[in-house]
Amino acid sequence: MNTKGIIQTCTLEHLDRYAVIYAEAFSGEPWNDNWEVADAKIHVAELLESPQSFGLEYVVEGEVAGFILGTSMLFHYGRTFEINDLALARSHQRRGIASTLLEAFMNEMKQRNIKAVHLITAGEGVLPQFYERFGFKKEDMVILMGKEI
């Protein structure tokens, strides 16, 4: 179902395109955040410039259609990875690209001997169901806590 494309490692060379995709994706459903491209560029650059970052991009006809990106961290039981972002340009959504990217990403994590992959997503709607198809489940032992300041 997905548009024929190639998957390759994310690079700072495509930062401007990632920023546009990120701002577009997270300003729409289900998040409806008000992302400016300039702020999205800073966000993605901060992730990409982390020494422990890793990401994959999906390229269709020479243009990045979407990406998955995050960082790893060492714990007593091994290295874990947190997916910070999975974003697709609107014109490439609902074509199976996110599934293809996530599958390739999870295979890469296995090859890198990552012990667990975590992510934060919307608590309702289609996103929890999407990630559950790939074996993700709600954690019982931890909760996300936050405080606005």
N, C-alpha and C. Protein backbone atom coordinates (compact mmCIF):
# COMPACT_ATOMS: atom_id res chain seq x y z
N MET A 1 0.82 -1.20 0.00
CA MET A 1 0.00 0.00 0.00
C MET A 1 0.86 1.26 0.00
N ASN A 2 2.10 1.17 0.53
CA ASN A 2 2.89 2.39 0.61
C ASN A 2 3.48 2.78 -0.74
N THR A 3 3.75 4.06 -0.88
CA THR A 3 4.39 4.56 -2.07
C THR A 3 5.81 4.01 -2.08
N LYS A 4 6.25 3.53 -3.23
CA LYS A 4 7.60 2.95 -3.31
C LYS A 4 8.63 3.99 -2.95
N GLY A 5 9.46 3.66 -2.00
CA GLY A 5 10.48 4.58 -1.55
C GLY A 5 11.65 3.84 -0.97
N ILE A 6 12.62 4.59 -0.48
CA ILE A 6 13.78 3.98 0.16
C ILE A 6 13.87 4.49 1.60
N ILE A 7 14.42 3.64 2.44
CA ILE A 7 14.64 3.99 3.84
C ILE A 7 16.13 4.14 4.04
N GLN A 8 16.50 5.26 4.66
CA GLN A 8 17.91 5.51 4.95
C GLN A 8 18.03 6.26 6.26
N THR A 9 19.25 6.34 6.77
CA THR A 9 19.51 7.00 8.05
C THR A 9 19.25 8.50 7.95
N CYS A 10 18.63 9.06 8.98
CA CYS A 10 18.41 10.50 9.05
C CYS A 10 19.74 11.23 9.10
N THR A 11 19.77 12.43 8.54
CA THR A 11 20.97 13.23 8.49
C THR A 11 20.62 14.70 8.64
N LEU A 12 21.54 15.47 9.21
CA LEU A 12 21.32 16.92 9.34
C LEU A 12 21.15 17.59 7.98
N GLU A 13 21.62 16.95 6.94
CA GLU A 13 21.48 17.50 5.58
C GLU A 13 20.02 17.74 5.22
N HIS A 14 19.12 16.94 5.80
CA HIS A 14 17.69 17.05 5.49
C HIS A 14 16.90 17.76 6.59
N LEU A 15 17.59 18.48 7.46
CA LEU A 15 16.94 19.13 8.59
C LEU A 15 15.80 20.05 8.17
N ASP A 16 15.99 20.85 7.15
CA ASP A 16 14.93 21.77 6.72
C ASP A 16 13.66 21.01 6.33
N ARG A 17 13.81 19.90 5.64
CA ARG A 17 12.65 19.10 5.23
C ARG A 17 11.99 18.45 6.45
N TYR A 18 12.80 17.93 7.38
CA TYR A 18 12.23 17.35 8.59
C TYR A 18 11.40 18.39 9.34
N ALA A 19 11.90 19.61 9.41
CA ALA A 19 11.21 20.68 10.14
C ALA A 19 9.84 20.95 9.53
N VAL A 20 9.77 21.01 8.22
CA VAL A 20 8.49 21.24 7.53
C VAL A 20 7.54 20.09 7.81
N ILE A 21 8.03 18.86 7.70
CA ILE A 21 7.20 17.68 7.95
C ILE A 21 6.71 17.68 9.39
N TYR A 22 7.61 17.94 10.33
CA TYR A 22 7.26 17.93 11.75
C TYR A 22 6.18 18.96 12.06
N ALA A 23 6.41 20.20 11.62
CA ALA A 23 5.44 21.27 11.88
C ALA A 23 4.07 20.93 11.30
N GLU A 24 4.07 20.40 10.11
CA GLU A 24 2.81 20.04 9.45
C GLU A 24 2.12 18.89 10.18
N ALA A 25 2.87 17.84 10.50
CA ALA A 25 2.28 16.65 11.11
C ALA A 25 1.74 16.93 12.51
N PHE A 26 2.50 17.65 13.33
CA PHE A 26 2.08 17.85 14.71
C PHE A 26 1.15 19.06 14.88
N SER A 27 0.96 19.83 13.84
CA SER A 27 -0.03 20.89 13.88
C SER A 27 -1.41 20.37 13.48
N GLY A 28 -1.44 19.15 12.95
CA GLY A 28 -2.70 18.53 12.55
C GLY A 28 -3.19 17.53 13.59
N GLU A 29 -4.23 16.78 13.21
CA GLU A 29 -4.81 15.76 14.10
C GLU A 29 -3.78 14.68 14.38
N PRO A 30 -3.74 14.11 15.57
CA PRO A 30 -4.61 14.39 16.70
C PRO A 30 -4.05 15.45 17.64
N TRP A 31 -2.85 15.94 17.36
CA TRP A 31 -2.17 16.84 18.31
C TRP A 31 -2.70 18.26 18.26
N ASN A 32 -2.87 18.80 17.07
CA ASN A 32 -3.34 20.17 16.89
C ASN A 32 -2.48 21.19 17.63
N ASP A 33 -1.17 20.92 17.67
CA ASP A 33 -0.23 21.87 18.25
C ASP A 33 0.07 22.97 17.24
N ASN A 34 0.47 24.11 17.73
CA ASN A 34 0.75 25.24 16.85
C ASN A 34 2.26 25.33 16.61
N TRP A 35 2.79 24.46 15.76
CA TRP A 35 4.23 24.42 15.50
C TRP A 35 4.60 25.36 14.37
N GLU A 36 5.58 26.21 14.62
CA GLU A 36 6.20 27.01 13.57
C GLU A 36 7.36 26.18 13.02
N VAL A 37 7.63 26.30 11.74
CA VAL A 37 8.71 25.54 11.12
C VAL A 37 10.05 25.85 11.78
N ALA A 38 10.30 27.10 12.13
CA ALA A 38 11.57 27.47 12.77
C ALA A 38 11.75 26.75 14.10
N ASP A 39 10.68 26.64 14.88
CA ASP A 39 10.75 25.93 16.16
C ASP A 39 10.91 24.43 15.94
N ALA A 40 10.22 23.90 14.96
CA ALA A 40 10.35 22.47 14.63
C ALA A 40 11.79 22.15 14.22
N LYS A 41 12.40 23.07 13.50
CA LYS A 41 13.79 22.87 13.08
C LYS A 41 14.72 22.77 14.29
N ILE A 42 14.51 23.62 15.27
CA ILE A 42 15.32 23.55 16.51
C ILE A 42 15.08 22.23 17.22
N HIS A 43 13.82 21.84 17.34
CA HIS A 43 13.45 20.59 18.01
C HIS A 43 14.16 19.40 17.37
N VAL A 44 14.03 19.28 16.06
CA VAL A 44 14.62 18.14 15.35
C VAL A 44 16.15 18.21 15.40
N ALA A 45 16.72 19.40 15.26
CA ALA A 45 18.18 19.55 15.32
C ALA A 45 18.70 19.10 16.67
N GLU A 46 18.02 19.47 17.74
CA GLU A 46 18.46 19.06 19.08
C GLU A 46 18.50 17.54 19.21
N LEU A 47 17.53 16.87 18.62
CA LEU A 47 17.55 15.40 18.64
C LEU A 47 18.68 14.86 17.79
N LEU A 48 18.77 15.34 16.55
CA LEU A 48 19.79 14.83 15.63
C LEU A 48 21.21 15.07 16.13
N GLU A 49 21.42 16.16 16.85
CA GLU A 49 22.77 16.49 17.32
C GLU A 49 23.15 15.75 18.60
N SER A 50 22.20 15.05 19.20
CA SER A 50 22.51 14.25 20.38
C SER A 50 23.42 13.10 19.98
N PRO A 51 24.46 12.84 20.77
CA PRO A 51 25.37 11.73 20.43
C PRO A 51 24.68 10.37 20.37
N GLN A 52 23.57 10.22 21.07
CA GLN A 52 22.87 8.94 21.11
C GLN A 52 21.64 8.90 20.21
N SER A 53 21.53 9.83 19.28
CA SER A 53 20.36 9.86 18.41
C SER A 53 20.49 8.86 17.27
N PHE A 54 19.34 8.46 16.78
CA PHE A 54 19.27 7.63 15.59
C PHE A 54 17.91 7.85 14.97
N GLY A 55 17.87 7.83 13.66
CA GLY A 55 16.59 7.95 12.97
C GLY A 55 16.67 7.41 11.56
N LEU A 56 15.51 7.13 11.04
CA LEU A 56 15.38 6.69 9.65
C LEU A 56 14.42 7.63 8.93
N GLU A 57 14.70 7.84 7.67
CA GLU A 57 13.81 8.64 6.83
C GLU A 57 13.31 7.79 5.68
N TYR A 58 12.14 8.14 5.18
CA TYR A 58 11.53 7.47 4.03
C TYR A 58 11.53 8.46 2.89
N VAL A 59 12.20 8.10 1.80
CA VAL A 59 12.38 9.00 0.67
C VAL A 59 11.60 8.47 -0.54
N VAL A 60 10.77 9.33 -1.10
CA VAL A 60 9.98 9.00 -2.29
C VAL A 60 10.39 9.96 -3.41
N GLU A 61 10.84 9.41 -4.51
CA GLU A 61 11.23 10.21 -5.67
C GLU A 61 12.15 11.37 -5.28
N GLY A 62 13.13 11.07 -4.44
CA GLY A 62 14.14 12.06 -4.07
C GLY A 62 13.74 13.03 -2.98
N GLU A 63 12.52 12.92 -2.44
CA GLU A 63 12.07 13.83 -1.40
C GLU A 63 11.72 13.05 -0.14
N VAL A 64 12.16 13.56 1.01
CA VAL A 64 11.83 12.93 2.29
C VAL A 64 10.32 13.05 2.52
N ALA A 65 9.68 11.90 2.72
CA ALA A 65 8.24 11.87 2.96
C ALA A 65 7.91 11.78 4.44
N GLY A 66 8.87 11.29 5.23
CA GLY A 66 8.64 11.14 6.66
C GLY A 66 9.88 10.62 7.34
N PHE A 67 9.83 10.61 8.68
CA PHE A 67 10.99 10.15 9.45
C PHE A 67 10.56 9.66 10.83
N ILE A 68 11.43 8.85 11.42
CA ILE A 68 11.30 8.39 12.79
C ILE A 68 12.63 8.69 13.46
N LEU A 69 12.57 9.24 14.68
CA LEU A 69 13.79 9.76 15.30
C LEU A 69 13.69 9.71 16.81
N GLY A 70 14.81 9.42 17.45
CA GLY A 70 14.85 9.43 18.90
C GLY A 70 16.26 9.24 19.42
N THR A 71 16.36 8.91 20.70
CA THR A 71 17.66 8.76 21.35
C THR A 71 17.68 7.53 22.25
N SER A 72 18.89 7.02 22.47
CA SER A 72 19.05 5.87 23.35
C SER A 72 19.69 6.29 24.66
N MET A 73 19.53 5.43 25.65
CA MET A 73 20.11 5.68 26.97
C MET A 73 20.43 4.34 27.61
N LEU A 74 21.53 4.30 28.33
CA LEU A 74 21.95 3.08 29.01
C LEU A 74 21.34 3.01 30.40
N PHE A 75 20.77 1.84 30.72
CA PHE A 75 20.26 1.53 32.04
C PHE A 75 20.97 0.28 32.56
N HIS A 76 20.72 -0.09 33.80
CA HIS A 76 21.40 -1.24 34.39
C HIS A 76 21.14 -2.54 33.64
N TYR A 77 20.03 -2.65 32.95
CA TYR A 77 19.67 -3.88 32.24
C TYR A 77 20.00 -3.82 30.75
N GLY A 78 20.54 -2.70 30.30
CA GLY A 78 20.92 -2.57 28.89
C GLY A 78 20.45 -1.24 28.32
N ARG A 79 20.75 -1.05 27.05
CA ARG A 79 20.42 0.20 26.37
C ARG A 79 18.97 0.17 25.91
N THR A 80 18.26 1.29 26.15
CA THR A 80 16.89 1.45 25.69
C THR A 80 16.85 2.60 24.67
N PHE A 81 15.76 2.67 23.97
CA PHE A 81 15.60 3.73 22.97
C PHE A 81 14.24 4.37 23.16
N GLU A 82 14.20 5.70 23.10
CA GLU A 82 12.93 6.42 23.14
C GLU A 82 12.67 7.03 21.78
N ILE A 83 11.58 6.63 21.17
CA ILE A 83 11.16 7.25 19.92
C ILE A 83 10.55 8.59 20.31
N ASN A 84 11.17 9.67 19.86
CA ASN A 84 10.64 11.00 20.14
C ASN A 84 9.63 11.42 19.08
N ASP A 85 9.91 11.09 17.83
CA ASP A 85 9.06 11.57 16.74
C ASP A 85 8.92 10.54 15.63
N LEU A 86 7.72 10.40 15.16
CA LEU A 86 7.40 9.68 13.92
C LEU A 86 6.46 10.61 13.18
N ALA A 87 6.92 11.17 12.08
CA ALA A 87 6.13 12.18 11.38
C ALA A 87 6.18 11.96 9.88
N LEU A 88 5.04 12.16 9.24
CA LEU A 88 4.92 12.06 7.79
C LEU A 88 4.30 13.34 7.24
N ALA A 89 4.78 13.73 6.08
CA ALA A 89 4.13 14.83 5.37
C ALA A 89 2.68 14.43 5.10
N ARG A 90 1.76 15.37 5.20
CA ARG A 90 0.34 15.06 4.99
C ARG A 90 0.09 14.33 3.68
N SER A 91 0.79 14.74 2.65
CA SER A 91 0.58 14.13 1.32
C SER A 91 1.01 12.67 1.26
N HIS A 92 1.72 12.20 2.28
CA HIS A 92 2.19 10.81 2.30
C HIS A 92 1.56 9.99 3.43
N GLN A 93 0.60 10.56 4.14
CA GLN A 93 -0.05 9.83 5.22
C GLN A 93 -1.07 8.84 4.67
N ARG A 94 -1.36 7.84 5.48
CA ARG A 94 -2.34 6.79 5.17
C ARG A 94 -1.98 6.00 3.92
N ARG A 95 -0.68 5.76 3.76
CA ARG A 95 -0.19 4.95 2.63
C ARG A 95 0.67 3.79 3.11
N GLY A 96 0.73 3.58 4.42
CA GLY A 96 1.52 2.50 4.97
C GLY A 96 2.98 2.86 5.22
N ILE A 97 3.35 4.10 4.98
CA ILE A 97 4.75 4.51 5.15
C ILE A 97 5.15 4.49 6.63
N ALA A 98 4.28 4.95 7.51
CA ALA A 98 4.60 4.94 8.94
C ALA A 98 4.85 3.51 9.41
N SER A 99 4.03 2.58 8.96
CA SER A 99 4.23 1.17 9.32
C SER A 99 5.55 0.65 8.79
N THR A 100 5.86 0.98 7.56
CA THR A 100 7.11 0.54 6.96
C THR A 100 8.31 1.11 7.72
N LEU A 101 8.24 2.40 8.05
CA LEU A 101 9.32 3.03 8.81
C LEU A 101 9.47 2.39 10.20
N LEU A 102 8.37 2.17 10.88
CA LEU A 102 8.43 1.61 12.22
C LEU A 102 8.97 0.18 12.19
N GLU A 103 8.56 -0.61 11.22
CA GLU A 103 9.08 -1.98 11.09
C GLU A 103 10.59 -1.97 10.85
N ALA A 104 11.05 -1.14 9.93
CA ALA A 104 12.48 -1.04 9.65
C ALA A 104 13.24 -0.56 10.88
N PHE A 105 12.66 0.39 11.57
CA PHE A 105 13.27 0.94 12.77
C PHE A 105 13.41 -0.13 13.85
N MET A 106 12.35 -0.88 14.09
CA MET A 106 12.39 -1.92 15.11
C MET A 106 13.40 -3.01 14.74
N ASN A 107 13.52 -3.35 13.48
CA ASN A 107 14.54 -4.31 13.05
C ASN A 107 15.94 -3.77 13.35
N GLU A 108 16.15 -2.50 13.10
CA GLU A 108 17.44 -1.86 13.40
C GLU A 108 17.72 -1.90 14.90
N MET A 109 16.70 -1.67 15.72
CA MET A 109 16.89 -1.70 17.16
C MET A 109 17.31 -3.10 17.62
N LYS A 110 16.72 -4.13 17.04
CA LYS A 110 17.11 -5.51 17.37
C LYS A 110 18.57 -5.75 17.00
N GLN A 111 18.97 -5.28 15.83
CA GLN A 111 20.36 -5.45 15.39
C GLN A 111 21.33 -4.72 16.31
N ARG A 112 20.90 -3.62 16.88
CA ARG A 112 21.75 -2.83 17.78
C ARG A 112 21.68 -3.33 19.23
N ASN A 113 20.97 -4.42 19.44
CA ASN A 113 20.84 -5.03 20.77
C ASN A 113 20.17 -4.09 21.79
N ILE A 114 19.25 -3.28 21.32
CA ILE A 114 18.46 -2.42 22.20
C ILE A 114 17.50 -3.32 22.99
N LYS A 115 17.43 -3.11 24.29
CA LYS A 115 16.63 -3.99 25.15
C LYS A 115 15.15 -3.62 25.18
N ALA A 116 14.82 -2.34 24.98
CA ALA A 116 13.42 -1.90 25.01
C ALA A 116 13.30 -0.60 24.22
N VAL A 117 12.14 -0.40 23.63
CA VAL A 117 11.83 0.84 22.91
C VAL A 117 10.60 1.43 23.57
N HIS A 118 10.67 2.74 23.87
CA HIS A 118 9.56 3.44 24.51
C HIS A 118 9.13 4.61 23.63
N LEU A 119 7.92 5.06 23.86
CA LEU A 119 7.42 6.26 23.19
C LEU A 119 6.27 6.83 23.98
N ILE A 120 6.00 8.09 23.74
CA ILE A 120 4.84 8.76 24.32
C ILE A 120 3.93 9.12 23.16
N THR A 121 2.67 8.80 23.30
CA THR A 121 1.72 9.12 22.24
C THR A 121 0.39 9.55 22.85
N ALA A 122 -0.53 9.93 22.00
CA ALA A 122 -1.87 10.31 22.45
C ALA A 122 -2.50 9.14 23.21
N GLY A 123 -3.26 9.46 24.24
CA GLY A 123 -3.88 8.42 25.06
C GLY A 123 -5.13 7.82 24.45
N GLU A 124 -5.67 8.48 23.45
CA GLU A 124 -6.90 8.01 22.81
C GLU A 124 -6.77 8.17 21.30
N GLY A 125 -7.73 7.64 20.59
CA GLY A 125 -7.74 7.78 19.14
C GLY A 125 -6.98 6.68 18.43
N VAL A 126 -6.53 6.98 17.23
CA VAL A 126 -5.92 5.96 16.38
C VAL A 126 -4.47 5.65 16.74
N LEU A 127 -3.77 6.56 17.37
CA LEU A 127 -2.34 6.33 17.62
C LEU A 127 -2.06 5.18 18.58
N PRO A 128 -2.74 5.05 19.71
CA PRO A 128 -2.47 3.88 20.54
C PRO A 128 -2.73 2.57 19.79
N GLN A 129 -3.78 2.54 19.01
CA GLN A 129 -4.10 1.34 18.23
C GLN A 129 -3.02 1.05 17.19
N PHE A 130 -2.50 2.10 16.57
CA PHE A 130 -1.43 1.94 15.59
C PHE A 130 -0.22 1.28 16.24
N TYR A 131 0.24 1.81 17.38
CA TYR A 131 1.43 1.28 18.03
C TYR A 131 1.19 -0.11 18.63
N GLU A 132 -0.02 -0.39 19.08
CA GLU A 132 -0.33 -1.72 19.61
C GLU A 132 -0.17 -2.79 18.54
N ARG A 133 -0.41 -2.46 17.29
CA ARG A 133 -0.22 -3.42 16.19
C ARG A 133 1.23 -3.86 16.08
N PHE A 134 2.15 -3.07 16.61
CA PHE A 134 3.57 -3.39 16.55
C PHE A 134 4.10 -3.91 17.89
N GLY A 135 3.19 -4.25 18.80
CA GLY A 135 3.58 -4.85 20.06
C GLY A 135 3.78 -3.88 21.21
N PHE A 136 3.59 -2.60 20.99
CA PHE A 136 3.69 -1.63 22.09
C PHE A 136 2.45 -1.76 22.97
N LYS A 137 2.64 -1.54 24.27
CA LYS A 137 1.52 -1.59 25.20
C LYS A 137 1.73 -0.55 26.27
N LYS A 138 0.65 -0.21 26.94
CA LYS A 138 0.73 0.74 28.06
C LYS A 138 1.58 0.11 29.15
N GLU A 139 2.44 0.93 29.72
CA GLU A 139 3.29 0.47 30.82
C GLU A 139 2.49 0.43 32.11
N ASP A 140 2.66 -0.62 32.88
CA ASP A 140 1.99 -0.74 34.17
C ASP A 140 2.84 -0.20 35.31
N MET A 141 4.15 -0.21 35.14
CA MET A 141 5.04 0.11 36.24
C MET A 141 5.42 1.59 36.30
N VAL A 142 5.15 2.34 35.25
CA VAL A 142 5.53 3.76 35.24
C VAL A 142 4.37 4.59 34.69
N ILE A 143 4.38 5.85 35.03
CA ILE A 143 3.42 6.79 34.47
C ILE A 143 4.18 8.05 34.05
N LEU A 144 3.62 8.77 33.15
CA LEU A 144 4.18 10.06 32.76
C LEU A 144 3.61 11.11 33.70
N MET A 145 4.49 11.87 34.29
CA MET A 145 4.07 12.95 35.17
C MET A 145 4.64 14.25 34.60
N GLY A 146 3.96 15.33 34.80
CA GLY A 146 4.44 16.61 34.32
C GLY A 146 3.92 17.76 35.18
N LYS A 147 4.57 18.89 35.04
CA LYS A 147 4.15 20.08 35.76
C LYS A 147 4.49 21.29 34.90
N GLU A 148 3.51 22.10 34.64
CA GLU A 148 3.77 23.33 33.90
C GLU A 148 4.39 24.35 34.83
N ILE A 149 5.36 25.07 34.32
CA ILE A 149 6.03 26.10 35.13
C ILE A 149 6.09 27.42 34.39
